[in-house]
Each structure stands twice: as C-alpha cells, then as structure tokens.
Amino acid sequence: MSVKWTEITTEQEWNEILNKSSERGQVILKHSTTCPVSSNALKEYDAYLNGNPNEDTDYFLVKVIESRPVSNKIAEDLNVKHESPQILYVKDNAKYWTASHWAVTTEHITAVLD
C-alpha cells in the first residue's frame, strides 16, 4: 500500500492538522528544497510511504523556504527548535517524536510509527 503526503501551505491547514492529532497521528516533514540533506530525508520519507506505512496516521510536508510562516508556527506551537530537514510526529496536540538531518531515515520512521 502506498500513501502520499499532502503539502501544507497555510497556517489554517496546520491548525486543522494539529486539532486532528487528538484523533490520529500526524506526521510532518519540514523540507528545504535547496538542501541536499533535506533531499535525502524526503527520499527516506517517500520510501517509508511506498512501503507499508502506518494507516492510522496522516502524512504532510512543509517546504520551509516557500512556507516560512507555517514552518515557524509549527515550531512555535510544538515548542521545538526549527531544523531542516525535520520530521515531527504529533499526537494529542503535542510533539510525540522528532528527528532531524541524517536521523530522518525509513528505518527510524518505521521504528517509531509501527
């Protein structure tokens, strides 16, 4: 089963995702379109989603340069330092897990979500 992420571009979309996290897990990848490390993290994220992803979770992507206000709001709302690439797993309106840079791997994501 393959799942695709949805891009978040507005703070309104982010607020809806944060609210929905009280019902089911929400995963967000903060991605920089100009960074090779971020490009690798996106490949790992896509590999996880093309494998056997957790079906009780929704998946999103934020482009940190193009959607800077959204990226900043996520960091502020979850009380996490902004990093890129950065993956966040949100449950019950709070950060449950986060990893950044080279720690964003298919194996790591699988270990946390499955």
PDB file of N, CA and C in Angstrom:
ATOM      1  N   MET A   1       0.843  -1.185   0.000  1.00  0.00           N
ATOM      2  CA  MET A   1       0.000   0.000   0.000  1.00  0.00           C
ATOM      3  C   MET A   1       0.883   1.242   0.000  1.00  0.00           C
ATOM      4  N   SER A   2       0.616   2.127  -0.888  1.00  0.00           N
ATOM      5  CA  SER A   2       1.398   3.355  -0.996  1.00  0.00           C
ATOM      6  C   SER A   2       0.541   4.538  -0.547  1.00  0.00           C
ATOM      7  N   VAL A   3       1.147   5.403   0.228  1.00  0.00           N
ATOM      8  CA  VAL A   3       0.463   6.594   0.728  1.00  0.00           C
ATOM      9  C   VAL A   3       1.256   7.798   0.253  1.00  0.00           C
ATOM     10  N   LYS A   4       0.600   8.890  -0.003  1.00  0.00           N
ATOM     11  CA  LYS A   4       1.290  10.109  -0.416  1.00  0.00           C
ATOM     12  C   LYS A   4       1.104  11.182   0.651  1.00  0.00           C
ATOM     13  N   TRP A   5       2.109  12.000   0.816  1.00  0.00           N
ATOM     14  CA  TRP A   5       1.979  13.132   1.731  1.00  0.00           C
ATOM     15  C   TRP A   5       1.235  14.273   1.035  1.00  0.00           C
ATOM     16  N   THR A   6       0.683  15.168   1.862  1.00  0.00           N
ATOM     17  CA  THR A   6      -0.012  16.359   1.388  1.00  0.00           C
ATOM     18  C   THR A   6       0.804  17.572   1.817  1.00  0.00           C
ATOM     19  N   GLU A   7       0.982  18.521   0.931  1.00  0.00           N
ATOM     20  CA  GLU A   7       1.746  19.718   1.283  1.00  0.00           C
ATOM     21  C   GLU A   7       0.883  20.684   2.085  1.00  0.00           C
ATOM     22  N   ILE A   8       1.469  21.242   3.140  1.00  0.00           N
ATOM     23  CA  ILE A   8       0.810  22.270   3.962  1.00  0.00           C
ATOM     24  C   ILE A   8       1.384  23.620   3.527  1.00  0.00           C
ATOM     25  N   THR A   9       0.496  24.559   3.196  1.00  0.00           N
ATOM     26  CA  THR A   9       0.983  25.878   2.766  1.00  0.00           C
ATOM     27  C   THR A   9       0.396  27.023   3.586  1.00  0.00           C
ATOM     28  N   THR A  10      -0.597  26.727   4.444  1.00  0.00           N
ATOM     29  CA  THR A  10      -1.211  27.807   5.220  1.00  0.00           C
ATOM     30  C   THR A  10      -1.256  27.450   6.705  1.00  0.00           C
ATOM     31  N   GLU A  11      -1.291  28.473   7.534  1.00  0.00           N
ATOM     32  CA  GLU A  11      -1.406  28.261   8.978  1.00  0.00           C
ATOM     33  C   GLU A  11      -2.754  27.623   9.320  1.00  0.00           C
ATOM     34  N   GLN A  12      -3.782  27.936   8.543  1.00  0.00           N
ATOM     35  CA  GLN A  12      -5.106  27.333   8.736  1.00  0.00           C
ATOM     36  C   GLN A  12      -5.027  25.816   8.575  1.00  0.00           C
ATOM     37  N   GLU A  13      -4.330  25.350   7.526  1.00  0.00           N
ATOM     38  CA  GLU A  13      -4.153  23.900   7.318  1.00  0.00           C
ATOM     39  C   GLU A  13      -3.416  23.286   8.503  1.00  0.00           C
ATOM     40  N   TRP A  14      -2.361  23.965   8.954  1.00  0.00           N
ATOM     41  CA  TRP A  14      -1.609  23.467  10.103  1.00  0.00           C
ATOM     42  C   TRP A  14      -2.501  23.357  11.346  1.00  0.00           C
ATOM     43  N   ASN A  15      -3.326  24.382  11.600  1.00  0.00           N
ATOM     44  CA  ASN A  15      -4.229  24.352  12.766  1.00  0.00           C
ATOM     45  C   ASN A  15      -5.170  23.154  12.705  1.00  0.00           C
ATOM     46  N   GLU A  16      -5.677  22.846  11.517  1.00  0.00           N
ATOM     47  CA  GLU A  16      -6.571  21.698  11.347  1.00  0.00           C
ATOM     48  C   GLU A  16      -5.839  20.392  11.631  1.00  0.00           C
ATOM     49  N   ILE A  17      -4.600  20.301  11.170  1.00  0.00           N
ATOM     50  CA  ILE A  17      -3.789  19.102  11.407  1.00  0.00           C
ATOM     51  C   ILE A  17      -3.512  18.940  12.898  1.00  0.00           C
ATOM     52  N   LEU A  18      -3.146  20.033  13.543  1.00  0.00           N
ATOM     53  CA  LEU A  18      -2.876  19.982  14.983  1.00  0.00           C
ATOM     54  C   LEU A  18      -4.124  19.523  15.746  1.00  0.00           C
ATOM     55  N   ASN A  19      -5.287  20.060  15.389  1.00  0.00           N
ATOM     56  CA  ASN A  19      -6.543  19.643  16.030  1.00  0.00           C
ATOM     57  C   ASN A  19      -6.841  18.166  15.779  1.00  0.00           C
ATOM     58  N   LYS A  20      -6.585  17.716  14.562  1.00  0.00           N
ATOM     59  CA  LYS A  20      -6.869  16.326  14.203  1.00  0.00           C
ATOM     60  C   LYS A  20      -5.949  15.347  14.935  1.00  0.00           C
ATOM     61  N   SER A  21      -4.815  15.848  15.446  1.00  0.00           N
ATOM     62  CA  SER A  21      -3.857  14.974  16.131  1.00  0.00           C
ATOM     63  C   SER A  21      -4.425  14.392  17.425  1.00  0.00           C
ATOM     64  N   SER A  22      -5.543  14.937  17.896  1.00  0.00           N
ATOM     65  CA  SER A  22      -6.177  14.353  19.088  1.00  0.00           C
ATOM     66  C   SER A  22      -6.929  13.073  18.716  1.00  0.00           C
ATOM     67  N   GLU A  23      -7.187  12.868  17.410  1.00  0.00           N
ATOM     68  CA  GLU A  23      -7.901  11.675  16.949  1.00  0.00           C
ATOM     69  C   GLU A  23      -6.965  10.628  16.356  1.00  0.00           C
ATOM     70  N   ARG A  24      -5.940  11.094  15.618  1.00  0.00           N
ATOM     71  CA  ARG A  24      -5.000  10.161  14.983  1.00  0.00           C
ATOM     72  C   ARG A  24      -3.651  10.847  14.788  1.00  0.00           C
ATOM     73  N   GLY A  25      -2.611  10.046  14.649  1.00  0.00           N
ATOM     74  CA  GLY A  25      -1.265  10.589  14.492  1.00  0.00           C
ATOM     75  C   GLY A  25      -1.120  11.417  13.231  1.00  0.00           C
ATOM     76  N   GLN A  26      -0.284  12.450  13.319  1.00  0.00           N
ATOM     77  CA  GLN A  26       0.006  13.336  12.191  1.00  0.00           C
ATOM     78  C   GLN A  26       1.531  13.437  12.063  1.00  0.00           C
ATOM     79  N   VAL A  27       2.044  13.192  10.870  1.00  0.00           N
ATOM     80  CA  VAL A  27       3.484  13.275  10.634  1.00  0.00           C
ATOM     81  C   VAL A  27       3.746  14.403   9.644  1.00  0.00           C
ATOM     82  N   ILE A  28       4.703  15.252   9.993  1.00  0.00           N
ATOM     83  CA  ILE A  28       5.060  16.375   9.130  1.00  0.00           C
ATOM     84  C   ILE A  28       6.555  16.329   8.861  1.00  0.00           C
ATOM     85  N   LEU A  29       6.933  16.415   7.599  1.00  0.00           N
ATOM     86  CA  LEU A  29       8.333  16.556   7.235  1.00  0.00           C
ATOM     87  C   LEU A  29       8.557  18.005   6.831  1.00  0.00           C
ATOM     88  N   LYS A  30       9.482  18.670   7.534  1.00  0.00           N
ATOM     89  CA  LYS A  30       9.891  20.019   7.135  1.00  0.00           C
ATOM     90  C   LYS A  30      11.040  19.846   6.152  1.00  0.00           C
ATOM     91  N   HIS A  31      10.841  20.364   4.957  1.00  0.00           N
ATOM     92  CA  HIS A  31      11.749  20.098   3.844  1.00  0.00           C
ATOM     93  C   HIS A  31      12.271  21.399   3.230  1.00  0.00           C
ATOM     94  N   SER A  32      13.590  21.440   3.021  1.00  0.00           N
ATOM     95  CA  SER A  32      14.178  22.567   2.305  1.00  0.00           C
ATOM     96  C   SER A  32      14.483  22.131   0.881  1.00  0.00           C
ATOM     97  N   THR A  33      13.901  22.843  -0.077  1.00  0.00           N
ATOM     98  CA  THR A  33      14.072  22.486  -1.487  1.00  0.00           C
ATOM     99  C   THR A  33      15.478  22.806  -2.007  1.00  0.00           C
ATOM    100  N   THR A  34      16.319  23.456  -1.184  1.00  0.00           N
ATOM    101  CA  THR A  34      17.664  23.816  -1.637  1.00  0.00           C
ATOM    102  C   THR A  34      18.765  23.017  -0.934  1.00  0.00           C
ATOM    103  N   CYS A  35      18.385  22.068  -0.081  1.00  0.00           N
ATOM    104  CA  CYS A  35      19.365  21.390   0.768  1.00  0.00           C
ATOM    105  C   CYS A  35      19.512  19.911   0.393  1.00  0.00           C
ATOM    106  N   PRO A  36      20.735  19.447   0.105  1.00  0.00           N
ATOM    107  CA  PRO A  36      20.944  18.039  -0.244  1.00  0.00           C
ATOM    108  C   PRO A  36      20.577  17.067   0.896  1.00  0.00           C
ATOM    109  N   VAL A  37      20.826  17.458   2.133  1.00  0.00           N
ATOM    110  CA  VAL A  37      20.459  16.602   3.269  1.00  0.00           C
ATOM    111  C   VAL A  37      18.936  16.452   3.325  1.00  0.00           C
ATOM    112  N   SER A  38      18.240  17.551   3.084  1.00  0.00           N
ATOM    113  CA  SER A  38      16.777  17.539   3.072  1.00  0.00           C
ATOM    114  C   SER A  38      16.256  16.682   1.915  1.00  0.00           C
ATOM    115  N   SER A  39      16.927  16.748   0.788  1.00  0.00           N
ATOM    116  CA  SER A  39      16.553  15.928  -0.363  1.00  0.00           C
ATOM    117  C   SER A  39      16.645  14.447  -0.006  1.00  0.00           C
ATOM    118  N   ASN A  40      17.683  14.073   0.717  1.00  0.00           N
ATOM    119  CA  ASN A  40      17.835  12.689   1.167  1.00  0.00           C
ATOM    120  C   ASN A  40      16.721  12.309   2.149  1.00  0.00           C
ATOM    121  N   ALA A  41      16.391  13.212   3.067  1.00  0.00           N
ATOM    122  CA  ALA A  41      15.325  12.949   4.041  1.00  0.00           C
ATOM    123  C   ALA A  41      13.991  12.723   3.322  1.00  0.00           C
ATOM    124  N   LEU A  42      13.729  13.500   2.271  1.00  0.00           N
ATOM    125  CA  LEU A  42      12.492  13.343   1.505  1.00  0.00           C
ATOM    126  C   LEU A  42      12.458  11.972   0.820  1.00  0.00           C
ATOM    127  N   LYS A  43      13.606  11.526   0.302  1.00  0.00           N
ATOM    128  CA  LYS A  43      13.673  10.189  -0.309  1.00  0.00           C
ATOM    129  C   LYS A  43      13.337   9.118   0.725  1.00  0.00           C
ATOM    130  N   GLU A  44      13.864   9.271   1.934  1.00  0.00           N
ATOM    131  CA  GLU A  44      13.607   8.304   3.010  1.00  0.00           C
ATOM    132  C   GLU A  44      12.122   8.313   3.402  1.00  0.00           C
ATOM    133  N   TYR A  45      11.540   9.499   3.490  1.00  0.00           N
ATOM    134  CA  TYR A  45      10.120   9.670   3.829  1.00  0.00           C
ATOM    135  C   TYR A  45       9.253   8.988   2.760  1.00  0.00           C
ATOM    136  N   ASP A  46       9.556   9.261   1.483  1.00  0.00           N
ATOM    137  CA  ASP A  46       8.814   8.649   0.388  1.00  0.00           C
ATOM    138  C   ASP A  46       8.981   7.130   0.388  1.00  0.00           C
ATOM    139  N   ALA A  47      10.184   6.658   0.703  1.00  0.00           N
ATOM    140  CA  ALA A  47      10.428   5.210   0.752  1.00  0.00           C
ATOM    141  C   ALA A  47       9.559   4.568   1.837  1.00  0.00           C
ATOM    142  N   TYR A  48       9.460   5.226   2.982  1.00  0.00           N
ATOM    143  CA  TYR A  48       8.584   4.718   4.047  1.00  0.00           C
ATOM    144  C   TYR A  48       7.136   4.662   3.561  1.00  0.00           C
ATOM    145  N   LEU A  49       6.678   5.725   2.924  1.00  0.00           N
ATOM    146  CA  LEU A  49       5.287   5.802   2.467  1.00  0.00           C
ATOM    147  C   LEU A  49       4.983   4.823   1.335  1.00  0.00           C
ATOM    148  N   ASN A  50       5.994   4.452   0.563  1.00  0.00           N
ATOM    149  CA  ASN A  50       5.817   3.486  -0.522  1.00  0.00           C
ATOM    150  C   ASN A  50       5.940   2.051  -0.031  1.00  0.00           C
ATOM    151  N   GLY A  51       6.332   1.887   1.223  1.00  0.00           N
ATOM    152  CA  GLY A  51       6.458   0.556   1.800  1.00  0.00           C
ATOM    153  C   GLY A  51       5.152   0.134   2.440  1.00  0.00           C
ATOM    154  N   ASN A  52       5.172   0.014   3.755  1.00  0.00           N
ATOM    155  CA  ASN A  52       3.988  -0.425   4.492  1.00  0.00           C
ATOM    156  C   ASN A  52       3.713   0.575   5.611  1.00  0.00           C
ATOM    157  N   PRO A  53       3.298   1.813   5.251  1.00  0.00           N
ATOM    158  CA  PRO A  53       3.155   2.862   6.274  1.00  0.00           C
ATOM    159  C   PRO A  53       1.992   2.606   7.232  1.00  0.00           C
ATOM    160  N   ASN A  54       2.101   3.184   8.411  1.00  0.00           N
ATOM    161  CA  ASN A  54       1.047   3.108   9.423  1.00  0.00           C
ATOM    162  C   ASN A  54      -0.209   3.778   8.859  1.00  0.00           C
ATOM    163  N   GLU A  55      -1.283   3.018   8.755  1.00  0.00           N
ATOM    164  CA  GLU A  55      -2.517   3.535   8.147  1.00  0.00           C
ATOM    165  C   GLU A  55      -3.334   4.412   9.096  1.00  0.00           C
ATOM    166  N   ASP A  56      -2.970   4.451  10.374  1.00  0.00           N
ATOM    167  CA  ASP A  56      -3.696   5.264  11.352  1.00  0.00           C
ATOM    168  C   ASP A  56      -3.060   6.644  11.499  1.00  0.00           C
ATOM    169  N   THR A  57      -2.296   7.045  10.493  1.00  0.00           N
ATOM    170  CA  THR A  57      -1.533   8.283  10.546  1.00  0.00           C
ATOM    171  C   THR A  57      -1.720   9.050   9.239  1.00  0.00           C
ATOM    172  N   ASP A  58      -1.718  10.389   9.326  1.00  0.00           N
ATOM    173  CA  ASP A  58      -1.765  11.237   8.136  1.00  0.00           C
ATOM    174  C   ASP A  58      -0.371  11.825   7.926  1.00  0.00           C
ATOM    175  N   TYR A  59      -0.013  12.056   6.675  1.00  0.00           N
ATOM    176  CA  TYR A  59       1.352  12.468   6.329  1.00  0.00           C
ATOM    177  C   TYR A  59       1.357  13.786   5.555  1.00  0.00           C
ATOM    178  N   PHE A  60       2.270  14.674   5.954  1.00  0.00           N
ATOM    179  CA  PHE A  60       2.331  16.016   5.375  1.00  0.00           C
ATOM    180  C   PHE A  60       3.762  16.436   5.107  1.00  0.00           C
ATOM    181  N   LEU A  61       3.896  17.497   4.321  1.00  0.00           N
ATOM    182  CA  LEU A  61       5.190  18.082   4.017  1.00  0.00           C
ATOM    183  C   LEU A  61       5.050  19.598   4.028  1.00  0.00           C
ATOM    184  N   VAL A  62       6.027  20.271   4.615  1.00  0.00           N
ATOM    185  CA  VAL A  62       6.085  21.734   4.594  1.00  0.00           C
ATOM    186  C   VAL A  62       7.407  22.127   3.953  1.00  0.00           C
ATOM    187  N   LYS A  63       7.337  22.941   2.927  1.00  0.00           N
ATOM    188  CA  LYS A  63       8.562  23.487   2.326  1.00  0.00           C
ATOM    189  C   LYS A  63       8.943  24.712   3.142  1.00  0.00           C
ATOM    190  N   VAL A  64      10.064  24.618   3.853  1.00  0.00           N
ATOM    191  CA  VAL A  64      10.401  25.639   4.852  1.00  0.00           C
ATOM    192  C   VAL A  64      10.722  27.010   4.257  1.00  0.00           C
ATOM    193  N   ILE A  65      11.229  27.062   3.057  1.00  0.00           N
ATOM    194  CA  ILE A  65      11.544  28.361   2.447  1.00  0.00           C
ATOM    195  C   ILE A  65      10.274  28.989   1.868  1.00  0.00           C
ATOM    196  N   GLU A  66       9.529  28.181   1.102  1.00  0.00           N
ATOM    197  CA  GLU A  66       8.321  28.679   0.440  1.00  0.00           C
ATOM    198  C   GLU A  66       7.189  28.965   1.430  1.00  0.00           C
ATOM    199  N   SER A  67       7.152  28.217   2.525  1.00  0.00           N
ATOM    200  CA  SER A  67       6.069  28.374   3.508  1.00  0.00           C
ATOM    201  C   SER A  67       6.633  28.681   4.898  1.00  0.00           C
ATOM    202  N   ARG A  68       7.524  29.653   4.946  1.00  0.00           N
ATOM    203  CA  ARG A  68       8.206  30.017   6.187  1.00  0.00           C
ATOM    204  C   ARG A  68       7.254  30.300   7.357  1.00  0.00           C
ATOM    205  N   PRO A  69       6.164  31.071   7.184  1.00  0.00           N
ATOM    206  CA  PRO A  69       5.254  31.326   8.317  1.00  0.00           C
ATOM    207  C   PRO A  69       4.660  30.037   8.900  1.00  0.00           C
ATOM    208  N   VAL A  70       4.328  29.082   8.042  1.00  0.00           N
ATOM    209  CA  VAL A  70       3.773  27.813   8.511  1.00  0.00           C
ATOM    210  C   VAL A  70       4.838  27.044   9.297  1.00  0.00           C
ATOM    211  N   SER A  71       6.026  26.992   8.734  1.00  0.00           N
ATOM    212  CA  SER A  71       7.137  26.299   9.387  1.00  0.00           C
ATOM    213  C   SER A  71       7.422  26.890  10.769  1.00  0.00           C
ATOM    214  N   ASN A  72       7.442  28.208  10.845  1.00  0.00           N
ATOM    215  CA  ASN A  72       7.682  28.878  12.131  1.00  0.00           C
ATOM    216  C   ASN A  72       6.562  28.600  13.131  1.00  0.00           C
ATOM    217  N   LYS A  73       5.321  28.578  12.650  1.00  0.00           N
ATOM    218  CA  LYS A  73       4.168  28.335  13.520  1.00  0.00           C
ATOM    219  C   LYS A  73       4.218  26.916  14.098  1.00  0.00           C
ATOM    220  N   ILE A  74       4.610  25.950  13.284  1.00  0.00           N
ATOM    221  CA  ILE A  74       4.739  24.573  13.762  1.00  0.00           C
ATOM    222  C   ILE A  74       5.770  24.512  14.889  1.00  0.00           C
ATOM    223  N   ALA A  75       6.924  25.130  14.678  1.00  0.00           N
ATOM    224  CA  ALA A  75       7.977  25.138  15.695  1.00  0.00           C
ATOM    225  C   ALA A  75       7.473  25.780  16.985  1.00  0.00           C
ATOM    226  N   GLU A  76       6.765  26.885  16.832  1.00  0.00           N
ATOM    227  CA  GLU A  76       6.232  27.621  17.980  1.00  0.00           C
ATOM    228  C   GLU A  76       5.161  26.806  18.723  1.00  0.00           C
ATOM    229  N   ASP A  77       4.199  26.270  17.977  1.00  0.00           N
ATOM    230  CA  ASP A  77       3.095  25.525  18.597  1.00  0.00           C
ATOM    231  C   ASP A  77       3.571  24.253  19.310  1.00  0.00           C
ATOM    232  N   LEU A  78       4.595  23.604  18.760  1.00  0.00           N
ATOM    233  CA  LEU A  78       5.065  22.342  19.349  1.00  0.00           C
ATOM    234  C   LEU A  78       6.257  22.542  20.275  1.00  0.00           C
ATOM    235  N   ASN A  79       6.701  23.795  20.388  1.00  0.00           N
ATOM    236  CA  ASN A  79       7.837  24.126  21.248  1.00  0.00           C
ATOM    237  C   ASN A  79       9.084  23.314  20.880  1.00  0.00           C
ATOM    238  N   VAL A  80       9.384  23.289  19.583  1.00  0.00           N
ATOM    239  CA  VAL A  80      10.592  22.618  19.109  1.00  0.00           C
ATOM    240  C   VAL A  80      11.445  23.612  18.343  1.00  0.00           C
ATOM    241  N   LYS A  81      12.741  23.426  18.414  1.00  0.00           N
ATOM    242  CA  LYS A  81      13.660  24.262  17.660  1.00  0.00           C
ATOM    243  C   LYS A  81      13.491  23.943  16.178  1.00  0.00           C
ATOM    244  N   HIS A  82      13.398  24.962  15.343  1.00  0.00           N
ATOM    245  CA  HIS A  82      13.275  24.734  13.905  1.00  0.00           C
ATOM    246  C   HIS A  82      14.554  24.104  13.375  1.00  0.00           C
ATOM    247  N   GLU A  83      14.394  23.006  12.641  1.00  0.00           N
ATOM    248  CA  GLU A  83      15.516  22.402  11.931  1.00  0.00           C
ATOM    249  C   GLU A  83      14.999  21.964  10.567  1.00  0.00           C
ATOM    250  N   SER A  84      15.910  21.751   9.644  1.00  0.00           N
ATOM    251  CA  SER A  84      15.518  21.295   8.322  1.00  0.00           C
ATOM    252  C   SER A  84      16.668  20.478   7.727  1.00  0.00           C
ATOM    253  N   PRO A  85      16.378  19.264   7.299  1.00  0.00           N
ATOM    254  CA  PRO A  85      15.078  18.598   7.370  1.00  0.00           C
ATOM    255  C   PRO A  85      14.745  18.204   8.808  1.00  0.00           C
ATOM    256  N   GLN A  86      13.474  18.095   9.058  1.00  0.00           N
ATOM    257  CA  GLN A  86      12.998  17.701  10.388  1.00  0.00           C
ATOM    258  C   GLN A  86      11.680  16.963  10.215  1.00  0.00           C
ATOM    259  N   ILE A  87      11.559  15.839  10.910  1.00  0.00           N
ATOM    260  CA  ILE A  87      10.296  15.106  10.878  1.00  0.00           C
ATOM    261  C   ILE A  87       9.683  15.183  12.266  1.00  0.00           C
ATOM    262  N   LEU A  88       8.382  15.399  12.309  1.00  0.00           N
ATOM    263  CA  LEU A  88       7.671  15.527  13.586  1.00  0.00           C
ATOM    264  C   LEU A  88       6.476  14.587  13.582  1.00  0.00           C
ATOM    265  N   TYR A  89       6.321  13.878  14.681  1.00  0.00           N
ATOM    266  CA  TYR A  89       5.143  13.026  14.861  1.00  0.00           C
ATOM    267  C   TYR A  89       4.319  13.677  15.955  1.00  0.00           C
ATOM    268  N   VAL A  90       3.092  14.073  15.608  1.00  0.00           N
ATOM    269  CA  VAL A  90       2.234  14.830  16.519  1.00  0.00           C
ATOM    270  C   VAL A  90       1.045  13.970  16.934  1.00  0.00           C
ATOM    271  N   LYS A  91       0.858  13.848  18.245  1.00  0.00           N
ATOM    272  CA  LYS A  91      -0.295  13.131  18.801  1.00  0.00           C
ATOM    273  C   LYS A  91      -0.845  13.969  19.943  1.00  0.00           C
ATOM    274  N   ASP A  92      -2.173  13.988  20.082  1.00  0.00           N
ATOM    275  CA  ASP A  92      -2.817  14.691  21.193  1.00  0.00           C
ATOM    276  C   ASP A  92      -2.345  16.137  21.321  1.00  0.00           C
ATOM    277  N   ASN A  93      -2.256  16.819  20.174  1.00  0.00           N
ATOM    278  CA  ASN A  93      -1.893  18.250  20.105  1.00  0.00           C
ATOM    279  C   ASN A  93      -0.502  18.570  20.639  1.00  0.00           C
ATOM    280  N   ALA A  94       0.396  17.591  20.614  1.00  0.00           N
ATOM    281  CA  ALA A  94       1.757  17.831  21.105  1.00  0.00           C
ATOM    282  C   ALA A  94       2.765  17.005  20.315  1.00  0.00           C
ATOM    283  N   LYS A  95       4.020  17.431  20.376  1.00  0.00           N
ATOM    284  CA  LYS A  95       5.088  16.677  19.731  1.00  0.00           C
ATOM    285  C   LYS A  95       5.283  15.372  20.492  1.00  0.00           C
ATOM    286  N   TYR A  96       5.222  14.261  19.773  1.00  0.00           N
ATOM    287  CA  TYR A  96       5.454  12.948  20.365  1.00  0.00           C
ATOM    288  C   TYR A  96       6.882  12.504  20.085  1.00  0.00           C
ATOM    289  N   TRP A  97       7.370  12.825  18.881  1.00  0.00           N
ATOM    290  CA  TRP A  97       8.716  12.428  18.459  1.00  0.00           C
ATOM    291  C   TRP A  97       9.186  13.381  17.383  1.00  0.00           C
ATOM    292  N   THR A  98      10.485  13.631  17.356  1.00  0.00           N
ATOM    293  CA  THR A  98      11.061  14.411  16.266  1.00  0.00           C
ATOM    294  C   THR A  98      12.471  13.922  15.987  1.00  0.00           C
ATOM    295  N   ALA A  99      12.884  14.066  14.742  1.00  0.00           N
ATOM    296  CA  ALA A  99      14.259  13.752  14.341  1.00  0.00           C
ATOM    297  C   ALA A  99      14.625  14.738  13.240  1.00  0.00           C
ATOM    298  N   SER A 100      15.928  14.950  13.079  1.00  0.00           N
ATOM    299  CA  SER A 100      16.330  15.893  12.039  1.00  0.00           C
ATOM    300  C   SER A 100      17.581  15.406  11.316  1.00  0.00           C
ATOM    301  N   HIS A 101      17.865  16.078  10.227  1.00  0.00           N
ATOM    302  CA  HIS A 101      19.033  15.834   9.393  1.00  0.00           C
ATOM    303  C   HIS A 101      19.171  14.362   9.001  1.00  0.00           C
ATOM    304  N   TRP A 102      20.324  13.758   9.256  1.00  0.00           N
ATOM    305  CA  TRP A 102      20.579  12.385   8.798  1.00  0.00           C
ATOM    306  C   TRP A 102      19.804  11.345   9.609  1.00  0.00           C
ATOM    307  N   ALA A 103      19.161  11.743  10.704  1.00  0.00           N
ATOM    308  CA  ALA A 103      18.359  10.807  11.506  1.00  0.00           C
ATOM    309  C   ALA A 103      16.989  10.547  10.877  1.00  0.00           C
ATOM    310  N   VAL A 104      16.649  11.307   9.837  1.00  0.00           N
ATOM    311  CA  VAL A 104      15.373  11.077   9.144  1.00  0.00           C
ATOM    312  C   VAL A 104      15.593   9.933   8.154  1.00  0.00           C
ATOM    313  N   THR A 105      15.339   8.696   8.619  1.00  0.00           N
ATOM    314  CA  THR A 105      15.532   7.518   7.778  1.00  0.00           C
ATOM    315  C   THR A 105      14.264   6.668   7.786  1.00  0.00           C
ATOM    316  N   THR A 106      14.105   5.888   6.751  1.00  0.00           N
ATOM    317  CA  THR A 106      12.975   4.968   6.652  1.00  0.00           C
ATOM    318  C   THR A 106      12.942   4.058   7.877  1.00  0.00           C
ATOM    319  N   GLU A 107      14.120   3.550   8.260  1.00  0.00           N
ATOM    320  CA  GLU A 107      14.236   2.649   9.407  1.00  0.00           C
ATOM    321  C   GLU A 107      13.779   3.330  10.700  1.00  0.00           C
ATOM    322  N   HIS A 108      14.203   4.562  10.896  1.00  0.00           N
ATOM    323  CA  HIS A 108      13.843   5.321  12.100  1.00  0.00           C
ATOM    324  C   HIS A 108      12.334   5.601  12.142  1.00  0.00           C
ATOM    325  N   ILE A 109      11.793   6.040  11.000  1.00  0.00           N
ATOM    326  CA  ILE A 109      10.366   6.324  10.918  1.00  0.00           C
ATOM    327  C   ILE A 109       9.548   5.060  11.217  1.00  0.00           C
ATOM    328  N   THR A 110       9.981   3.950  10.632  1.00  0.00           N
ATOM    329  CA  THR A 110       9.296   2.663  10.849  1.00  0.00           C
ATOM    330  C   THR A 110       9.326   2.281  12.328  1.00  0.00           C
ATOM    331  N   ALA A 111      10.476   2.458  12.963  1.00  0.00           N
ATOM    332  CA  ALA A 111      10.618   2.086  14.384  1.00  0.00           C
ATOM    333  C   ALA A 111       9.656   2.875  15.265  1.00  0.00           C
ATOM    334  N   VAL A 112       9.425   4.145  14.927  1.00  0.00           N
ATOM    335  CA  VAL A 112       8.547   4.988  15.750  1.00  0.00           C
ATOM    336  C   VAL A 112       7.072   4.748  15.426  1.00  0.00           C
ATOM    337  N   LEU A 113       6.729   4.609  14.167  1.00  0.00           N
ATOM    338  CA  LEU A 113       5.321   4.567  13.766  1.00  0.00           C
ATOM    339  C   LEU A 113       4.700   3.168  13.763  1.00  0.00           C
ATOM    340  N   ASP A 114       5.524   2.119  13.694  1.00  0.00           N
ATOM    341  CA  ASP A 114       4.947   0.779  13.553  1.00  0.00           C
ATOM    342  C   ASP A 114       5.039  -0.101  14.772  1.00  0.00           C
TER     343      ASP A 114
END
